[in-house]
Amino acid sequence: MDNLIVDRALVQYQSSLDNLLKRLQIFATDINNQQLQVTIRNLRGNINEPFLFVVVGEVKAGKSSFVNALLQSDICKTAADPCTDVIQQLVYSQDQYEQPVSQYLRKIGLPNEILKTLSVVDTPGTNTIVENHQEITKEFIPNSDLIFFVFFAKNPYTRSAWDLLDYVNS
């Protein structure tokens, strides 16, 4: 993997960890511990998944613009008024597609090399008049591997932004 976003050493750590988990799974089977077997199976299933990179911040702070710049493509809609109304998870796919996963989550497949090792999530944002945006974002945060917080350049001192940052920290 010659991807500039994910370090080659990380790939080696993932492989070593997978080998350790494989050995632990054999041990869990030997001692007949069903709960441990399920936990290890889930860990092994997720270990080689792309990093979940979640972009959060207030509405209109530039989250979608940042994602577009990162992917060097105009994937996420941007406008003068709020336009990200659901969480958008961008994943690697040879063919481009858009699939609603739930009322609050849309998965977008793109043939972008960065997405082979990094799944990028664009969130609706906080401090909005639209109901549920902050709750939607808060529910998705615990699943992330890396959170990138976007502040307004002109006014990074809004209370809702810092409340969300405190939530992310905890």
C-alpha atoms as a PDB file:
ATOM      1  CA  MET A   1       0.000   0.000   0.000  1.00  0.00           C
ATOM      2  CA  ASP A   2       1.673   3.188  -1.121  1.00  0.00           C
ATOM      3  CA  ASN A   3      -0.845   5.585   0.368  1.00  0.00           C
ATOM      4  CA  LEU A   4       0.452   8.825   1.813  1.00  0.00           C
ATOM      5  CA  ILE A   5      -2.395   9.073   4.325  1.00  0.00           C
ATOM      6  CA  VAL A   6      -1.864   5.788   6.170  1.00  0.00           C
ATOM      7  CA  ASP A   7       1.674   4.960   7.233  1.00  0.00           C
ATOM      8  CA  ARG A   8       3.179   1.678   6.061  1.00  0.00           C
ATOM      9  CA  ALA A   9       4.102   0.896   9.688  1.00  0.00           C
ATOM     10  CA  LEU A  10       0.421   0.939  10.577  1.00  0.00           C
ATOM     11  CA  VAL A  11      -0.259  -1.775   8.021  1.00  0.00           C
ATOM     12  CA  GLN A  12       2.477  -3.875   9.633  1.00  0.00           C
ATOM     13  CA  TYR A  13       0.996  -3.283  13.102  1.00  0.00           C
ATOM     14  CA  GLN A  14      -2.424  -4.339  11.830  1.00  0.00           C
ATOM     15  CA  SER A  15      -0.963  -7.534  10.414  1.00  0.00           C
ATOM     16  CA  SER A  16       0.888  -8.328  13.658  1.00  0.00           C
ATOM     17  CA  LEU A  17      -2.234  -7.627  15.696  1.00  0.00           C
ATOM     18  CA  ASP A  18      -4.301  -9.844  13.423  1.00  0.00           C
ATOM     19  CA  ASN A  19      -1.799 -12.680  13.940  1.00  0.00           C
ATOM     20  CA  LEU A  20      -2.008 -12.249  17.722  1.00  0.00           C
ATOM     21  CA  LEU A  21      -5.800 -12.207  17.577  1.00  0.00           C
ATOM     22  CA  LYS A  22      -5.758 -15.372  15.479  1.00  0.00           C
ATOM     23  CA  ARG A  23      -3.726 -17.111  18.186  1.00  0.00           C
ATOM     24  CA  LEU A  24      -6.024 -15.730  20.885  1.00  0.00           C
ATOM     25  CA  GLN A  25      -9.033 -16.987  18.941  1.00  0.00           C
ATOM     26  CA  ILE A  26      -7.560 -20.513  18.947  1.00  0.00           C
ATOM     27  CA  PHE A  27      -7.035 -20.205  22.709  1.00  0.00           C
ATOM     28  CA  ALA A  28     -10.632 -18.980  23.230  1.00  0.00           C
ATOM     29  CA  THR A  29     -11.855 -21.993  21.252  1.00  0.00           C
ATOM     30  CA  ASP A  30      -9.663 -24.344  23.294  1.00  0.00           C
ATOM     31  CA  ILE A  31     -11.075 -23.052  26.587  1.00  0.00           C
ATOM     32  CA  ASN A  32     -14.604 -22.964  25.084  1.00  0.00           C
ATOM     33  CA  ASN A  33     -15.231 -19.284  25.887  1.00  0.00           C
ATOM     34  CA  GLN A  34     -18.025 -18.289  23.467  1.00  0.00           C
ATOM     35  CA  GLN A  35     -18.124 -14.620  24.450  1.00  0.00           C
ATOM     36  CA  LEU A  36     -14.382 -14.214  23.929  1.00  0.00           C
ATOM     37  CA  GLN A  37     -14.614 -15.987  20.575  1.00  0.00           C
ATOM     38  CA  VAL A  38     -17.307 -13.549  19.379  1.00  0.00           C
ATOM     39  CA  THR A  39     -15.328 -10.524  20.588  1.00  0.00           C
ATOM     40  CA  ILE A  40     -12.157 -11.703  18.855  1.00  0.00           C
ATOM     41  CA  ARG A  41     -14.045 -12.539  15.659  1.00  0.00           C
ATOM     42  CA  ASN A  42     -15.480  -8.993  15.608  1.00  0.00           C
ATOM     43  CA  LEU A  43     -12.060  -7.451  16.259  1.00  0.00           C
ATOM     44  CA  ARG A  44     -10.481  -9.496  13.469  1.00  0.00           C
ATOM     45  CA  GLY A  45     -13.313  -8.546  11.138  1.00  0.00           C
ATOM     46  CA  ASN A  46     -12.735  -4.846  11.753  1.00  0.00           C
ATOM     47  CA  ILE A  47      -8.938  -4.751  11.943  1.00  0.00           C
ATOM     48  CA  ASN A  48      -8.394  -4.484   8.198  1.00  0.00           C
ATOM     49  CA  GLU A  49     -11.263  -2.117   7.565  1.00  0.00           C
ATOM     50  CA  PRO A  50     -10.264   1.368   6.417  1.00  0.00           C
ATOM     51  CA  PHE A  51      -9.700   3.964   9.137  1.00  0.00           C
ATOM     52  CA  LEU A  52     -12.916   5.779   9.951  1.00  0.00           C
ATOM     53  CA  PHE A  53     -12.030   9.478   9.593  1.00  0.00           C
ATOM     54  CA  VAL A  54     -14.942  11.629  10.825  1.00  0.00           C
ATOM     55  CA  VAL A  55     -15.145  15.357  10.098  1.00  0.00           C
ATOM     56  CA  VAL A  56     -17.202  17.324  12.638  1.00  0.00           C
ATOM     57  CA  GLY A  57     -17.920  20.953  13.468  1.00  0.00           C
ATOM     58  CA  GLU A  58     -20.633  23.544  13.261  1.00  0.00           C
ATOM     59  CA  VAL A  59     -22.910  24.009  10.280  1.00  0.00           C
ATOM     60  CA  LYS A  60     -21.230  25.995   7.482  1.00  0.00           C
ATOM     61  CA  ALA A  61     -17.757  25.768   9.064  1.00  0.00           C
ATOM     62  CA  GLY A  62     -16.332  24.156   5.913  1.00  0.00           C
ATOM     63  CA  LYS A  63     -16.554  20.425   6.678  1.00  0.00           C
ATOM     64  CA  SER A  64     -17.760  19.394   3.206  1.00  0.00           C
ATOM     65  CA  SER A  65     -15.276  21.741   1.544  1.00  0.00           C
ATOM     66  CA  PHE A  66     -12.487  20.134   3.589  1.00  0.00           C
ATOM     67  CA  VAL A  67     -13.595  16.641   2.540  1.00  0.00           C
ATOM     68  CA  ASN A  68     -13.698  17.733  -1.105  1.00  0.00           C
ATOM     69  CA  ALA A  69     -10.184  19.161  -0.819  1.00  0.00           C
ATOM     70  CA  LEU A  70      -8.909  16.005   0.884  1.00  0.00           C
ATOM     71  CA  LEU A  71     -10.307  13.808  -1.885  1.00  0.00           C
ATOM     72  CA  GLN A  72      -9.421  16.333  -4.599  1.00  0.00           C
ATOM     73  CA  SER A  73     -12.929  16.075  -5.996  1.00  0.00           C
ATOM     74  CA  ASP A  74     -16.301  17.810  -5.580  1.00  0.00           C
ATOM     75  CA  ILE A  75     -18.071  14.883  -3.920  1.00  0.00           C
ATOM     76  CA  CYS A  76     -19.867  16.626  -1.064  1.00  0.00           C
ATOM     77  CA  LYS A  77     -22.335  19.368  -1.924  1.00  0.00           C
ATOM     78  CA  THR A  78     -21.403  22.866  -0.819  1.00  0.00           C
ATOM     79  CA  ALA A  79     -23.534  26.004  -0.913  1.00  0.00           C
ATOM     80  CA  ALA A  80     -24.239  29.238   0.928  1.00  0.00           C
ATOM     81  CA  ASP A  81     -26.983  27.510   2.926  1.00  0.00           C
ATOM     82  CA  PRO A  82     -26.664  24.218   4.843  1.00  0.00           C
ATOM     83  CA  CYS A  83     -26.858  21.235   2.484  1.00  0.00           C
ATOM     84  CA  THR A  84     -25.439  18.238   4.366  1.00  0.00           C
ATOM     85  CA  ASP A  85     -28.590  16.808   5.926  1.00  0.00           C
ATOM     86  CA  VAL A  86     -27.349  13.281   6.731  1.00  0.00           C
ATOM     87  CA  ILE A  87     -24.065  11.641   7.602  1.00  0.00           C
ATOM     88  CA  GLN A  88     -22.226  10.808   4.391  1.00  0.00           C
ATOM     89  CA  GLN A  89     -19.720   7.965   4.600  1.00  0.00           C
ATOM     90  CA  LEU A  90     -17.365   7.927   1.637  1.00  0.00           C
ATOM     91  CA  VAL A  91     -15.891   4.489   0.945  1.00  0.00           C
ATOM     92  CA  TYR A  92     -13.787   2.916  -1.775  1.00  0.00           C
ATOM     93  CA  SER A  93     -15.603   1.274  -4.666  1.00  0.00           C
ATOM     94  CA  GLN A  94     -14.540   0.570  -8.246  1.00  0.00           C
ATOM     95  CA  ASP A  95     -17.910   1.915  -9.378  1.00  0.00           C
ATOM     96  CA  GLN A  96     -19.437   5.112  -8.057  1.00  0.00           C
ATOM     97  CA  TYR A  97     -22.690   4.636  -6.142  1.00  0.00           C
ATOM     98  CA  GLU A  98     -24.869   6.287  -3.532  1.00  0.00           C
ATOM     99  CA  GLN A  99     -26.848   4.128  -1.123  1.00  0.00           C
ATOM    100  CA  PRO A 100     -29.062   5.157   1.791  1.00  0.00           C
ATOM    101  CA  VAL A 101     -28.192   2.998   4.805  1.00  0.00           C
ATOM    102  CA  SER A 102     -30.671   4.577   7.205  1.00  0.00           C
ATOM    103  CA  GLN A 103     -32.668   7.749   7.646  1.00  0.00           C
ATOM    104  CA  TYR A 104     -29.500   9.485   8.871  1.00  0.00           C
ATOM    105  CA  LEU A 105     -26.703   7.729   6.960  1.00  0.00           C
ATOM    106  CA  ARG A 106     -25.826   7.632   3.280  1.00  0.00           C
ATOM    107  CA  LYS A 107     -22.909   5.577   1.950  1.00  0.00           C
ATOM    108  CA  ILE A 108     -21.164   6.869  -1.163  1.00  0.00           C
ATOM    109  CA  GLY A 109     -18.787   4.584  -3.033  1.00  0.00           C
ATOM    110  CA  LEU A 110     -16.056   6.216  -5.096  1.00  0.00           C
ATOM    111  CA  PRO A 111     -13.063   4.974  -7.113  1.00  0.00           C
ATOM    112  CA  ASN A 112     -10.663   7.134  -5.108  1.00  0.00           C
ATOM    113  CA  GLU A 113      -7.360   5.542  -4.021  1.00  0.00           C
ATOM    114  CA  ILE A 114      -7.330   7.400  -0.679  1.00  0.00           C
ATOM    115  CA  LEU A 115     -10.542   5.602   0.271  1.00  0.00           C
ATOM    116  CA  LYS A 116      -8.854   2.198   0.126  1.00  0.00           C
ATOM    117  CA  THR A 117      -7.349   2.864   3.557  1.00  0.00           C
ATOM    118  CA  LEU A 118      -9.478   5.734   4.843  1.00  0.00           C
ATOM    119  CA  SER A 119     -13.269   5.907   5.032  1.00  0.00           C
ATOM    120  CA  VAL A 120     -14.193   9.603   5.262  1.00  0.00           C
ATOM    121  CA  VAL A 121     -17.354  10.738   7.011  1.00  0.00           C
ATOM    122  CA  ASP A 122     -18.925  14.162   6.441  1.00  0.00           C
ATOM    123  CA  THR A 123     -21.348  15.057   9.239  1.00  0.00           C
ATOM    124  CA  PRO A 124     -24.267  17.511   9.135  1.00  0.00           C
ATOM    125  CA  GLY A 125     -22.836  19.750  11.816  1.00  0.00           C
ATOM    126  CA  THR A 126     -23.965  21.322  15.030  1.00  0.00           C
ATOM    127  CA  ASN A 127     -25.520  24.637  16.087  1.00  0.00           C
ATOM    128  CA  THR A 128     -28.289  24.417  13.515  1.00  0.00           C
ATOM    129  CA  ILE A 129     -32.028  24.970  13.497  1.00  0.00           C
ATOM    130  CA  VAL A 130     -32.530  21.555  11.892  1.00  0.00           C
ATOM    131  CA  GLU A 131     -33.574  18.981  14.488  1.00  0.00           C
ATOM    132  CA  ASN A 132     -31.357  15.972  15.156  1.00  0.00           C
ATOM    133  CA  HIS A 133     -28.177  17.186  13.390  1.00  0.00           C
ATOM    134  CA  GLN A 134     -26.153  17.360  16.594  1.00  0.00           C
ATOM    135  CA  GLU A 135     -27.608  14.080  17.896  1.00  0.00           C
ATOM    136  CA  ILE A 136     -26.851  12.343  14.584  1.00  0.00           C
ATOM    137  CA  THR A 137     -23.255  13.538  14.746  1.00  0.00           C
ATOM    138  CA  LYS A 138     -22.847  12.570  18.421  1.00  0.00           C
ATOM    139  CA  GLU A 139     -24.117   9.049  17.766  1.00  0.00           C
ATOM    140  CA  PHE A 140     -21.547   8.495  15.007  1.00  0.00           C
ATOM    141  CA  ILE A 141     -18.487   9.812  16.880  1.00  0.00           C
ATOM    142  CA  PRO A 142     -17.868   6.741  19.098  1.00  0.00           C
ATOM    143  CA  ASN A 143     -17.390   4.564  15.984  1.00  0.00           C
ATOM    144  CA  SER A 144     -14.595   6.707  14.605  1.00  0.00           C
ATOM    145  CA  ASP A 145     -10.852   6.068  14.575  1.00  0.00           C
ATOM    146  CA  LEU A 146      -9.922   9.694  13.955  1.00  0.00           C
ATOM    147  CA  ILE A 147     -11.971  12.868  14.394  1.00  0.00           C
ATOM    148  CA  PHE A 148     -11.110  16.078  12.569  1.00  0.00           C
ATOM    149  CA  PHE A 149     -12.783  19.123  14.083  1.00  0.00           C
ATOM    150  CA  VAL A 150     -13.474  22.130  11.827  1.00  0.00           C
ATOM    151  CA  PHE A 151     -13.857  25.528  13.511  1.00  0.00           C
ATOM    152  CA  PHE A 152     -14.994  28.782  11.950  1.00  0.00           C
ATOM    153  CA  ALA A 153     -11.876  30.784  11.146  1.00  0.00           C
ATOM    154  CA  LYS A 154     -13.568  34.083  12.002  1.00  0.00           C
ATOM    155  CA  ASN A 155     -15.155  32.917  15.262  1.00  0.00           C
ATOM    156  CA  PRO A 156     -13.825  29.699  16.792  1.00  0.00           C
ATOM    157  CA  TYR A 157     -15.346  30.550  20.173  1.00  0.00           C
ATOM    158  CA  THR A 158     -18.951  29.387  19.779  1.00  0.00           C
ATOM    159  CA  ARG A 159     -20.306  27.464  22.742  1.00  0.00           C
ATOM    160  CA  SER A 160     -21.789  24.584  20.702  1.00  0.00           C
ATOM    161  CA  ALA A 161     -18.455  23.939  18.972  1.00  0.00           C
ATOM    162  CA  TRP A 162     -16.613  23.671  22.275  1.00  0.00           C
ATOM    163  CA  ASP A 163     -19.398  21.532  23.778  1.00  0.00           C
ATOM    164  CA  LEU A 164     -19.015  19.106  20.882  1.00  0.00           C
ATOM    165  CA  LEU A 165     -15.247  19.128  21.265  1.00  0.00           C
ATOM    166  CA  ASP A 166     -15.671  18.301  24.975  1.00  0.00           C
ATOM    167  CA  TYR A 167     -17.988  15.440  23.981  1.00  0.00           C
ATOM    168  CA  VAL A 168     -15.423  14.134  21.482  1.00  0.00           C
ATOM    169  CA  ASN A 169     -12.715  14.348  24.121  1.00  0.00           C
ATOM    170  CA  SER A 170     -14.739  12.330  26.616  1.00  0.00           C
END
